[in-house]
Amino acid sequence: MTSCCELVDTGACFRCFCQRHTRINARRSDFKKEAANVESFRRYLEAMGLTKQATAPKVYPQCSTKRVLTMERLYGVPLTDLDSIKSPVSSPETSLITALNVW
């Protein structure tokens, strides 16, 4: 009988790939952990004095669970759309550079 490793040209075991992918996605979909990551990033921005350059949404833990993440809605424009950025800021290029430096 042919093993799963022999069926994949790359030499990687497809079953192993699927198992790993499932574990990674399970971690990513734990919104309690994601909420903690967002709060950690908010504290980082405050500690570094970057709250005028960047923000992160406020998490509402009382309305969040492992499967539901409830956050403040932030309004803005995509950094990748230079035409949209031109209306709220005078220098889109500076805004993009600042965003890249913060993250």
PDB file of N, CA and C in Angstrom:
ATOM      1  N   MET A   1       0.848  -1.187   0.000  1.00  0.00           N
ATOM      2  CA  MET A   1       0.000   0.000   0.000  1.00  0.00           C
ATOM      3  C   MET A   1       0.887   1.241   0.000  1.00  0.00           C
ATOM      4  N   THR A   2       0.484   2.273  -0.702  1.00  0.00           N
ATOM      5  CA  THR A   2       1.237   3.517  -0.805  1.00  0.00           C
ATOM      6  C   THR A   2       0.977   4.383   0.415  1.00  0.00           C
ATOM      7  N   SER A   3       2.061   4.918   1.000  1.00  0.00           N
ATOM      8  CA  SER A   3       1.878   5.797   2.160  1.00  0.00           C
ATOM      9  C   SER A   3       1.519   7.202   1.681  1.00  0.00           C
ATOM     10  N   CYS A   4       1.004   8.009   2.619  1.00  0.00           N
ATOM     11  CA  CYS A   4       0.615   9.374   2.247  1.00  0.00           C
ATOM     12  C   CYS A   4       1.841  10.174   1.826  1.00  0.00           C
ATOM     13  N   CYS A   5       3.009   9.864   2.393  1.00  0.00           N
ATOM     14  CA  CYS A   5       4.222  10.603   2.032  1.00  0.00           C
ATOM     15  C   CYS A   5       4.614  10.344   0.590  1.00  0.00           C
ATOM     16  N   GLU A   6       4.320   9.153   0.093  1.00  0.00           N
ATOM     17  CA  GLU A   6       4.673   8.818  -1.278  1.00  0.00           C
ATOM     18  C   GLU A   6       3.715   9.459  -2.282  1.00  0.00           C
ATOM     19  N   LEU A   7       2.563   9.884  -1.824  1.00  0.00           N
ATOM     20  CA  LEU A   7       1.573  10.474  -2.721  1.00  0.00           C
ATOM     21  C   LEU A   7       1.794  11.961  -2.965  1.00  0.00           C
ATOM     22  N   VAL A   8       2.613  12.600  -2.146  1.00  0.00           N
ATOM     23  CA  VAL A   8       2.840  14.032  -2.253  1.00  0.00           C
ATOM     24  C   VAL A   8       4.200  14.264  -2.892  1.00  0.00           C
ATOM     25  N   ASP A   9       4.230  15.008  -3.996  1.00  0.00           N
ATOM     26  CA  ASP A   9       5.469  15.243  -4.727  1.00  0.00           C
ATOM     27  C   ASP A   9       6.539  15.941  -3.902  1.00  0.00           C
ATOM     28  N   THR A  10       6.140  16.804  -2.979  1.00  0.00           N
ATOM     29  CA  THR A  10       7.109  17.586  -2.218  1.00  0.00           C
ATOM     30  C   THR A  10       7.834  16.759  -1.173  1.00  0.00           C
ATOM     31  N   GLY A  11       7.368  15.552  -0.901  1.00  0.00           N
ATOM     32  CA  GLY A  11       7.980  14.720   0.117  1.00  0.00           C
ATOM     33  C   GLY A  11       7.377  14.950   1.489  1.00  0.00           C
ATOM     34  N   ALA A  12       6.523  15.940   1.609  1.00  0.00           N
ATOM     35  CA  ALA A  12       5.878  16.211   2.893  1.00  0.00           C
ATOM     36  C   ALA A  12       4.674  15.299   3.051  1.00  0.00           C
ATOM     37  N   CYS A  13       4.445  14.854   4.234  1.00  0.00           N
ATOM     38  CA  CYS A  13       3.304  13.987   4.513  1.00  0.00           C
ATOM     39  C   CYS A  13       2.041  14.838   4.576  1.00  0.00           C
ATOM     40  N   PHE A  14       1.100  14.570   3.695  1.00  0.00           N
ATOM     41  CA  PHE A  14      -0.118  15.369   3.627  1.00  0.00           C
ATOM     42  C   PHE A  14      -0.918  15.269   4.919  1.00  0.00           C
ATOM     43  N   ARG A  15      -0.997  14.085   5.487  1.00  0.00           N
ATOM     44  CA  ARG A  15      -1.724  13.906   6.740  1.00  0.00           C
ATOM     45  C   ARG A  15      -1.071  14.722   7.861  1.00  0.00           C
ATOM     46  N   CYS A  16       0.275  14.708   7.900  1.00  0.00           N
ATOM     47  CA  CYS A  16       0.990  15.494   8.907  1.00  0.00           C
ATOM     48  C   CYS A  16       0.735  16.982   8.704  1.00  0.00           C
ATOM     49  N   PHE A  17       0.716  17.409   7.448  1.00  0.00           N
ATOM     50  CA  PHE A  17       0.436  18.807   7.136  1.00  0.00           C
ATOM     51  C   PHE A  17      -0.950  19.193   7.643  1.00  0.00           C
ATOM     52  N   CYS A  18      -1.932  18.344   7.384  1.00  0.00           N
ATOM     53  CA  CYS A  18      -3.305  18.641   7.803  1.00  0.00           C
ATOM     54  C   CYS A  18      -3.418  18.699   9.327  1.00  0.00           C
ATOM     55  N   GLN A  19      -2.757  17.784  10.003  1.00  0.00           N
ATOM     56  CA  GLN A  19      -2.804  17.790  11.465  1.00  0.00           C
ATOM     57  C   GLN A  19      -2.172  19.068  12.014  1.00  0.00           C
ATOM     58  N   ARG A  20      -1.030  19.453  11.461  1.00  0.00           N
ATOM     59  CA  ARG A  20      -0.352  20.674  11.921  1.00  0.00           C
ATOM     60  C   ARG A  20      -1.219  21.900  11.640  1.00  0.00           C
ATOM     61  N   HIS A  21      -1.793  21.955  10.449  1.00  0.00           N
ATOM     62  CA  HIS A  21      -2.647  23.072  10.058  1.00  0.00           C
ATOM     63  C   HIS A  21      -3.847  23.189  10.999  1.00  0.00           C
ATOM     64  N   THR A  22      -4.432  22.063  11.365  1.00  0.00           N
ATOM     65  CA  THR A  22      -5.567  22.060  12.282  1.00  0.00           C
ATOM     66  C   THR A  22      -5.181  22.599  13.647  1.00  0.00           C
ATOM     67  N   ARG A  23      -4.000  22.200  14.168  1.00  0.00           N
ATOM     68  CA  ARG A  23      -3.529  22.687  15.467  1.00  0.00           C
ATOM     69  C   ARG A  23      -3.283  24.191  15.432  1.00  0.00           C
ATOM     70  N   ILE A  24      -2.651  24.680  14.358  1.00  0.00           N
ATOM     71  CA  ILE A  24      -2.366  26.116  14.234  1.00  0.00           C
ATOM     72  C   ILE A  24      -3.661  26.908  14.169  1.00  0.00           C
ATOM     73  N   ASN A  25      -4.621  26.458  13.372  1.00  0.00           N
ATOM     74  CA  ASN A  25      -5.892  27.175  13.258  1.00  0.00           C
ATOM     75  C   ASN A  25      -6.676  27.140  14.555  1.00  0.00           C
ATOM     76  N   ALA A  26      -6.573  26.070  15.312  1.00  0.00           N
ATOM     77  CA  ALA A  26      -7.253  26.003  16.607  1.00  0.00           C
ATOM     78  C   ALA A  26      -6.696  27.073  17.535  1.00  0.00           C
ATOM     79  N   ARG A  27      -5.375  27.275  17.503  1.00  0.00           N
ATOM     80  CA  ARG A  27      -4.776  28.325  18.334  1.00  0.00           C
ATOM     81  C   ARG A  27      -5.204  29.703  17.854  1.00  0.00           C
ATOM     82  N   ARG A  28      -5.268  29.879  16.540  1.00  0.00           N
ATOM     83  CA  ARG A  28      -5.647  31.181  15.989  1.00  0.00           C
ATOM     84  C   ARG A  28      -7.105  31.509  16.282  1.00  0.00           C
ATOM     85  N   SER A  29      -7.946  30.499  16.399  1.00  0.00           N
ATOM     86  CA  SER A  29      -9.365  30.765  16.608  1.00  0.00           C
ATOM     87  C   SER A  29      -9.731  30.847  18.082  1.00  0.00           C
ATOM     88  N   ASP A  30      -8.750  30.817  18.969  1.00  0.00           N
ATOM     89  CA  ASP A  30      -9.022  31.012  20.391  1.00  0.00           C
ATOM     90  C   ASP A  30      -9.029  32.520  20.637  1.00  0.00           C
ATOM     91  N   PHE A  31     -10.219  33.102  20.626  1.00  0.00           N
ATOM     92  CA  PHE A  31     -10.323  34.548  20.712  1.00  0.00           C
ATOM     93  C   PHE A  31      -9.999  35.099  22.094  1.00  0.00           C
ATOM     94  N   LYS A  32      -9.994  34.256  23.103  1.00  0.00           N
ATOM     95  CA  LYS A  32      -9.521  34.711  24.419  1.00  0.00           C
ATOM     96  C   LYS A  32      -8.033  35.045  24.326  1.00  0.00           C
ATOM     97  N   LYS A  33      -7.276  34.192  23.631  1.00  0.00           N
ATOM     98  CA  LYS A  33      -5.845  34.456  23.422  1.00  0.00           C
ATOM     99  C   LYS A  33      -5.650  35.679  22.532  1.00  0.00           C
ATOM    100  N   GLU A  34      -6.471  35.791  21.508  1.00  0.00           N
ATOM    101  CA  GLU A  34      -6.363  36.943  20.612  1.00  0.00           C
ATOM    102  C   GLU A  34      -6.684  38.232  21.357  1.00  0.00           C
ATOM    103  N   ALA A  35      -7.672  38.206  22.227  1.00  0.00           N
ATOM    104  CA  ALA A  35      -8.013  39.379  23.042  1.00  0.00           C
ATOM    105  C   ALA A  35      -6.825  39.777  23.908  1.00  0.00           C
ATOM    106  N   ALA A  36      -6.157  38.791  24.484  1.00  0.00           N
ATOM    107  CA  ALA A  36      -4.963  39.074  25.295  1.00  0.00           C
ATOM    108  C   ALA A  36      -3.867  39.689  24.441  1.00  0.00           C
ATOM    109  N   ASN A  37      -3.713  39.221  23.202  1.00  0.00           N
ATOM    110  CA  ASN A  37      -2.710  39.786  22.286  1.00  0.00           C
ATOM    111  C   ASN A  37      -3.031  41.240  21.951  1.00  0.00           C
ATOM    112  N   VAL A  38      -4.298  41.537  21.709  1.00  0.00           N
ATOM    113  CA  VAL A  38      -4.699  42.912  21.394  1.00  0.00           C
ATOM    114  C   VAL A  38      -4.425  43.822  22.590  1.00  0.00           C
ATOM    115  N   GLU A  39      -4.787  43.370  23.779  1.00  0.00           N
ATOM    116  CA  GLU A  39      -4.541  44.175  24.988  1.00  0.00           C
ATOM    117  C   GLU A  39      -3.049  44.379  25.218  1.00  0.00           C
ATOM    118  N   SER A  40      -2.262  43.363  24.956  1.00  0.00           N
ATOM    119  CA  SER A  40      -0.810  43.473  25.089  1.00  0.00           C
ATOM    120  C   SER A  40      -0.269  44.531  24.120  1.00  0.00           C
ATOM    121  N   PHE A  41      -0.783  44.522  22.892  1.00  0.00           N
ATOM    122  CA  PHE A  41      -0.351  45.508  21.902  1.00  0.00           C
ATOM    123  C   PHE A  41      -0.779  46.914  22.311  1.00  0.00           C
ATOM    124  N   ARG A  42      -1.976  47.058  22.878  1.00  0.00           N
ATOM    125  CA  ARG A  42      -2.430  48.371  23.356  1.00  0.00           C
ATOM    126  C   ARG A  42      -1.508  48.886  24.459  1.00  0.00           C
ATOM    127  N   ARG A  43      -1.123  48.008  25.386  1.00  0.00           N
ATOM    128  CA  ARG A  43      -0.198  48.415  26.461  1.00  0.00           C
ATOM    129  C   ARG A  43       1.164  48.801  25.896  1.00  0.00           C
ATOM    130  N   TYR A  44       1.618  48.077  24.873  1.00  0.00           N
ATOM    131  CA  TYR A  44       2.886  48.401  24.218  1.00  0.00           C
ATOM    132  C   TYR A  44       2.825  49.796  23.603  1.00  0.00           C
ATOM    133  N   LEU A  45       1.752  50.088  22.896  1.00  0.00           N
ATOM    134  CA  LEU A  45       1.611  51.411  22.274  1.00  0.00           C
ATOM    135  C   LEU A  45       1.651  52.511  23.334  1.00  0.00           C
ATOM    136  N   GLU A  46       0.964  52.293  24.453  1.00  0.00           N
ATOM    137  CA  GLU A  46       0.950  53.279  25.534  1.00  0.00           C
ATOM    138  C   GLU A  46       2.343  53.440  26.150  1.00  0.00           C
ATOM    139  N   ALA A  47       3.004  52.319  26.429  1.00  0.00           N
ATOM    140  CA  ALA A  47       4.324  52.359  27.069  1.00  0.00           C
ATOM    141  C   ALA A  47       5.359  53.041  26.184  1.00  0.00           C
ATOM    142  N   MET A  48       5.234  52.877  24.873  1.00  0.00           N
ATOM    143  CA  MET A  48       6.200  53.460  23.937  1.00  0.00           C
ATOM    144  C   MET A  48       5.810  54.874  23.499  1.00  0.00           C
ATOM    145  N   GLY A  49       4.678  55.369  23.988  1.00  0.00           N
ATOM    146  CA  GLY A  49       4.234  56.703  23.604  1.00  0.00           C
ATOM    147  C   GLY A  49       3.802  56.803  22.154  1.00  0.00           C
ATOM    148  N   LEU A  50       3.207  55.740  21.635  1.00  0.00           N
ATOM    149  CA  LEU A  50       2.828  55.694  20.216  1.00  0.00           C
ATOM    150  C   LEU A  50       1.323  55.823  19.981  1.00  0.00           C
ATOM    151  N   THR A  51       0.584  56.255  20.999  1.00  0.00           N
ATOM    152  CA  THR A  51      -0.875  56.290  20.857  1.00  0.00           C
ATOM    153  C   THR A  51      -1.365  57.358  19.883  1.00  0.00           C
ATOM    154  N   LYS A  52      -0.515  58.324  19.543  1.00  0.00           N
ATOM    155  CA  LYS A  52      -0.914  59.313  18.525  1.00  0.00           C
ATOM    156  C   LYS A  52      -0.619  58.810  17.119  1.00  0.00           C
ATOM    157  N   GLN A  53       0.256  57.805  17.008  1.00  0.00           N
ATOM    158  CA  GLN A  53       0.620  57.260  15.697  1.00  0.00           C
ATOM    159  C   GLN A  53      -0.177  56.010  15.320  1.00  0.00           C
ATOM    160  N   ALA A  54      -0.599  55.257  16.328  1.00  0.00           N
ATOM    161  CA  ALA A  54      -1.288  53.985  16.042  1.00  0.00           C
ATOM    162  C   ALA A  54      -2.257  53.673  17.170  1.00  0.00           C
ATOM    163  N   THR A  55      -3.175  52.791  16.875  1.00  0.00           N
ATOM    164  CA  THR A  55      -4.128  52.358  17.883  1.00  0.00           C
ATOM    165  C   THR A  55      -4.489  50.901  17.643  1.00  0.00           C
ATOM    166  N   ALA A  56      -5.132  50.331  18.620  1.00  0.00           N
ATOM    167  CA  ALA A  56      -5.695  48.990  18.505  1.00  0.00           C
ATOM    168  C   ALA A  56      -7.078  49.066  19.136  1.00  0.00           C
ATOM    169  N   PRO A  57      -8.008  48.287  18.637  1.00  0.00           N
ATOM    170  CA  PRO A  57      -9.365  48.374  19.186  1.00  0.00           C
ATOM    171  C   PRO A  57      -9.425  47.905  20.628  1.00  0.00           C
ATOM    172  N   LYS A  58     -10.321  48.524  21.387  1.00  0.00           N
ATOM    173  CA  LYS A  58     -10.565  48.091  22.755  1.00  0.00           C
ATOM    174  C   LYS A  58     -11.360  46.795  22.696  1.00  0.00           C
ATOM    175  N   VAL A  59     -10.940  45.824  23.485  1.00  0.00           N
ATOM    176  CA  VAL A  59     -11.637  44.546  23.557  1.00  0.00           C
ATOM    177  C   VAL A  59     -12.660  44.622  24.688  1.00  0.00           C
ATOM    178  N   TYR A  60     -13.831  44.081  24.447  1.00  0.00           N
ATOM    179  CA  TYR A  60     -14.869  43.995  25.464  1.00  0.00           C
ATOM    180  C   TYR A  60     -14.908  42.560  25.976  1.00  0.00           C
ATOM    181  N   PRO A  61     -14.121  42.257  27.032  1.00  0.00           N
ATOM    182  CA  PRO A  61     -14.020  40.870  27.500  1.00  0.00           C
ATOM    183  C   PRO A  61     -15.338  40.300  28.009  1.00  0.00           C
ATOM    184  N   GLN A  62     -16.202  41.148  28.559  1.00  0.00           N
ATOM    185  CA  GLN A  62     -17.475  40.655  29.071  1.00  0.00           C
ATOM    186  C   GLN A  62     -18.388  40.174  27.949  1.00  0.00           C
ATOM    187  N   CYS A  63     -18.093  40.562  26.712  1.00  0.00           N
ATOM    188  CA  CYS A  63     -18.890  40.142  25.552  1.00  0.00           C
ATOM    189  C   CYS A  63     -18.108  39.196  24.640  1.00  0.00           C
ATOM    190  N   SER A  64     -16.952  38.737  25.100  1.00  0.00           N
ATOM    191  CA  SER A  64     -16.100  37.865  24.292  1.00  0.00           C
ATOM    192  C   SER A  64     -15.982  36.489  24.934  1.00  0.00           C
ATOM    193  N   THR A  65     -15.763  35.506  24.084  1.00  0.00           N
ATOM    194  CA  THR A  65     -15.551  34.130  24.535  1.00  0.00           C
ATOM    195  C   THR A  65     -14.418  33.541  23.714  1.00  0.00           C
ATOM    196  N   LYS A  66     -14.183  32.261  23.877  1.00  0.00           N
ATOM    197  CA  LYS A  66     -13.152  31.592  23.082  1.00  0.00           C
ATOM    198  C   LYS A  66     -13.507  31.614  21.595  1.00  0.00           C
ATOM    199  N   ARG A  67     -14.793  31.676  21.286  1.00  0.00           N
ATOM    200  CA  ARG A  67     -15.251  31.625  19.891  1.00  0.00           C
ATOM    201  C   ARG A  67     -15.793  32.959  19.368  1.00  0.00           C
ATOM    202  N   VAL A  68     -15.906  33.976  20.239  1.00  0.00           N
ATOM    203  CA  VAL A  68     -16.439  35.283  19.839  1.00  0.00           C
ATOM    204  C   VAL A  68     -15.520  36.372  20.402  1.00  0.00           C
ATOM    205  N   LEU A  69     -15.091  37.282  19.538  1.00  0.00           N
ATOM    206  CA  LEU A  69     -14.261  38.405  19.966  1.00  0.00           C
ATOM    207  C   LEU A  69     -15.023  39.694  19.665  1.00  0.00           C
ATOM    208  N   THR A  70     -15.323  40.454  20.708  1.00  0.00           N
ATOM    209  CA  THR A  70     -16.058  41.699  20.557  1.00  0.00           C
ATOM    210  C   THR A  70     -15.107  42.851  20.840  1.00  0.00           C
ATOM    211  N   MET A  71     -14.972  43.733  19.846  1.00  0.00           N
ATOM    212  CA  MET A  71     -14.035  44.851  19.960  1.00  0.00           C
ATOM    213  C   MET A  71     -14.692  46.151  19.526  1.00  0.00           C
ATOM    214  N   GLU A  72     -14.063  47.233  19.925  1.00  0.00           N
ATOM    215  CA  GLU A  72     -14.450  48.568  19.490  1.00  0.00           C
ATOM    216  C   GLU A  72     -14.317  48.644  17.970  1.00  0.00           C
ATOM    217  N   ARG A  73     -15.239  49.341  17.339  1.00  0.00           N
ATOM    218  CA  ARG A  73     -15.140  49.547  15.895  1.00  0.00           C
ATOM    219  C   ARG A  73     -14.256  50.751  15.634  1.00  0.00           C
ATOM    220  N   LEU A  74     -13.280  50.573  14.761  1.00  0.00           N
ATOM    221  CA  LEU A  74     -12.397  51.660  14.368  1.00  0.00           C
ATOM    222  C   LEU A  74     -12.725  52.059  12.934  1.00  0.00           C
ATOM    223  N   TYR A  75     -12.824  53.338  12.708  1.00  0.00           N
ATOM    224  CA  TYR A  75     -13.079  53.843  11.368  1.00  0.00           C
ATOM    225  C   TYR A  75     -11.764  54.327  10.774  1.00  0.00           C
ATOM    226  N   GLY A  76     -11.594  54.135   9.503  1.00  0.00           N
ATOM    227  CA  GLY A  76     -10.374  54.595   8.863  1.00  0.00           C
ATOM    228  C   GLY A  76     -10.360  54.203   7.400  1.00  0.00           C
ATOM    229  N   VAL A  77      -9.193  54.312   6.824  1.00  0.00           N
ATOM    230  CA  VAL A  77      -9.012  53.951   5.420  1.00  0.00           C
ATOM    231  C   VAL A  77      -7.850  52.972   5.320  1.00  0.00           C
ATOM    232  N   PRO A  78      -7.857  52.112   4.314  1.00  0.00           N
ATOM    233  CA  PRO A  78      -6.756  51.162   4.153  1.00  0.00           C
ATOM    234  C   PRO A  78      -5.445  51.890   3.848  1.00  0.00           C
ATOM    235  N   LEU A  79      -4.373  51.461   4.479  1.00  0.00           N
ATOM    236  CA  LEU A  79      -3.066  52.077   4.212  1.00  0.00           C
ATOM    237  C   LEU A  79      -2.590  51.799   2.796  1.00  0.00           C
ATOM    238  N   THR A  80      -3.151  50.800   2.161  1.00  0.00           N
ATOM    239  CA  THR A  80      -2.735  50.436   0.812  1.00  0.00           C
ATOM    240  C   THR A  80      -3.417  51.278  -0.261  1.00  0.00           C
ATOM    241  N   ASP A  81      -4.384  52.092   0.112  1.00  0.00           N
ATOM    242  CA  ASP A  81      -5.119  52.922  -0.843  1.00  0.00           C
ATOM    243  C   ASP A  81      -4.685  54.382  -0.668  1.00  0.00           C
ATOM    244  N   LEU A  82      -3.641  54.781  -1.395  1.00  0.00           N
ATOM    245  CA  LEU A  82      -3.085  56.131  -1.244  1.00  0.00           C
ATOM    246  C   LEU A  82      -4.098  57.230  -1.541  1.00  0.00           C
ATOM    247  N   ASP A  83      -5.004  57.003  -2.479  1.00  0.00           N
ATOM    248  CA  ASP A  83      -6.018  58.025  -2.779  1.00  0.00           C
ATOM    249  C   ASP A  83      -6.929  58.256  -1.579  1.00  0.00           C
ATOM    250  N   SER A  84      -7.310  57.180  -0.888  1.00  0.00           N
ATOM    251  CA  SER A  84      -8.171  57.320   0.291  1.00  0.00           C
ATOM    252  C   SER A  84      -7.440  57.991   1.442  1.00  0.00           C
ATOM    253  N   ILE A  85      -6.156  57.705   1.594  1.00  0.00           N
ATOM    254  CA  ILE A  85      -5.378  58.260   2.704  1.00  0.00           C
ATOM    255  C   ILE A  85      -5.186  59.768   2.546  1.00  0.00           C
ATOM    256  N   LYS A  86      -5.175  60.257   1.315  1.00  0.00           N
ATOM    257  CA  LYS A  86      -4.902  61.682   1.076  1.00  0.00           C
ATOM    258  C   LYS A  86      -5.925  62.602   1.739  1.00  0.00           C
ATOM    259  N   SER A  87      -7.150  62.129   1.930  1.00  0.00           N
ATOM    260  CA  SER A  87      -8.145  63.018   2.525  1.00  0.00           C
ATOM    261  C   SER A  87      -7.952  63.209   4.038  1.00  0.00           C
ATOM    262  N   PRO A  88      -7.678  62.178   4.846  1.00  0.00           N
ATOM    263  CA  PRO A  88      -7.527  62.439   6.281  1.00  0.00           C
ATOM    264  C   PRO A  88      -6.134  62.909   6.711  1.00  0.00           C
ATOM    265  N   VAL A  89      -5.104  62.657   5.906  1.00  0.00           N
ATOM    266  CA  VAL A  89      -3.744  63.057   6.298  1.00  0.00           C
ATOM    267  C   VAL A  89      -3.072  63.826   5.172  1.00  0.00           C
ATOM    268  N   SER A  90      -2.143  64.690   5.554  1.00  0.00           N
ATOM    269  CA  SER A  90      -1.466  65.507   4.542  1.00  0.00           C
ATOM    270  C   SER A  90      -0.354  64.754   3.832  1.00  0.00           C
ATOM    271  N   SER A  91       0.247  63.762   4.490  1.00  0.00           N
ATOM    272  CA  SER A  91       1.349  63.013   3.894  1.00  0.00           C
ATOM    273  C   SER A  91       1.106  61.505   4.019  1.00  0.00           C
ATOM    274  N   PRO A  92       0.470  60.908   2.995  1.00  0.00           N
ATOM    275  CA  PRO A  92       0.191  59.475   3.049  1.00  0.00           C
ATOM    276  C   PRO A  92       1.457  58.632   3.193  1.00  0.00           C
ATOM    277  N   GLU A  93       2.520  59.070   2.542  1.00  0.00           N
ATOM    278  CA  GLU A  93       3.771  58.319   2.604  1.00  0.00           C
ATOM    279  C   GLU A  93       4.301  58.268   4.035  1.00  0.00           C
ATOM    280  N   THR A  94       4.242  59.399   4.742  1.00  0.00           N
ATOM    281  CA  THR A  94       4.692  59.446   6.131  1.00  0.00           C
ATOM    282  C   THR A  94       3.813  58.546   7.004  1.00  0.00           C
ATOM    283  N   SER A  95       2.526  58.548   6.761  1.00  0.00           N
ATOM    284  CA  SER A  95       1.610  57.682   7.517  1.00  0.00           C
ATOM    285  C   SER A  95       1.953  56.218   7.315  1.00  0.00           C
ATOM    286  N   LEU A  96       2.243  55.834   6.104  1.00  0.00           N
ATOM    287  CA  LEU A  96       2.592  54.442   5.811  1.00  0.00           C
ATOM    288  C   LEU A  96       3.912  54.067   6.484  1.00  0.00           C
ATOM    289  N   ILE A  97       4.897  54.914   6.408  1.00  0.00           N
ATOM    290  CA  ILE A  97       6.197  54.651   7.054  1.00  0.00           C
ATOM    291  C   ILE A  97       6.029  54.538   8.557  1.00  0.00           C
ATOM    292  N   THR A  98       5.251  55.446   9.141  1.00  0.00           N
ATOM    293  CA  THR A  98       4.992  55.391  10.592  1.00  0.00           C
ATOM    294  C   THR A  98       4.317  54.090  10.975  1.00  0.00           C
ATOM    295  N   ALA A  99       3.309  53.678  10.207  1.00  0.00           N
ATOM    296  CA  ALA A  99       2.609  52.424  10.493  1.00  0.00           C
ATOM    297  C   ALA A  99       3.564  51.234  10.430  1.00  0.00           C
ATOM    298  N   LEU A 100       4.406  51.203   9.439  1.00  0.00           N
ATOM    299  CA  LEU A 100       5.370  50.093   9.314  1.00  0.00           C
ATOM    300  C   LEU A 100       6.356  50.101  10.478  1.00  0.00           C
ATOM    301  N   ASN A 101       6.783  51.260  10.910  1.00  0.00           N
ATOM    302  CA  ASN A 101       7.711  51.353  12.045  1.00  0.00           C
ATOM    303  C   ASN A 101       7.065  50.923  13.351  1.00  0.00           C
ATOM    304  N   VAL A 102       5.792  51.239  13.528  1.00  0.00           N
ATOM    305  CA  VAL A 102       5.089  50.853  14.756  1.00  0.00           C
ATOM    306  C   VAL A 102       4.936  49.344  14.823  1.00  0.00           C
ATOM    307  N   TRP A 103       4.536  48.735  13.719  1.00  0.00           N
ATOM    308  CA  TRP A 103       4.317  47.296  13.731  1.00  0.00           C
ATOM    309  C   TRP A 103       5.594  46.555  13.417  1.00  0.00           C
TER     310      TRP A 103
END
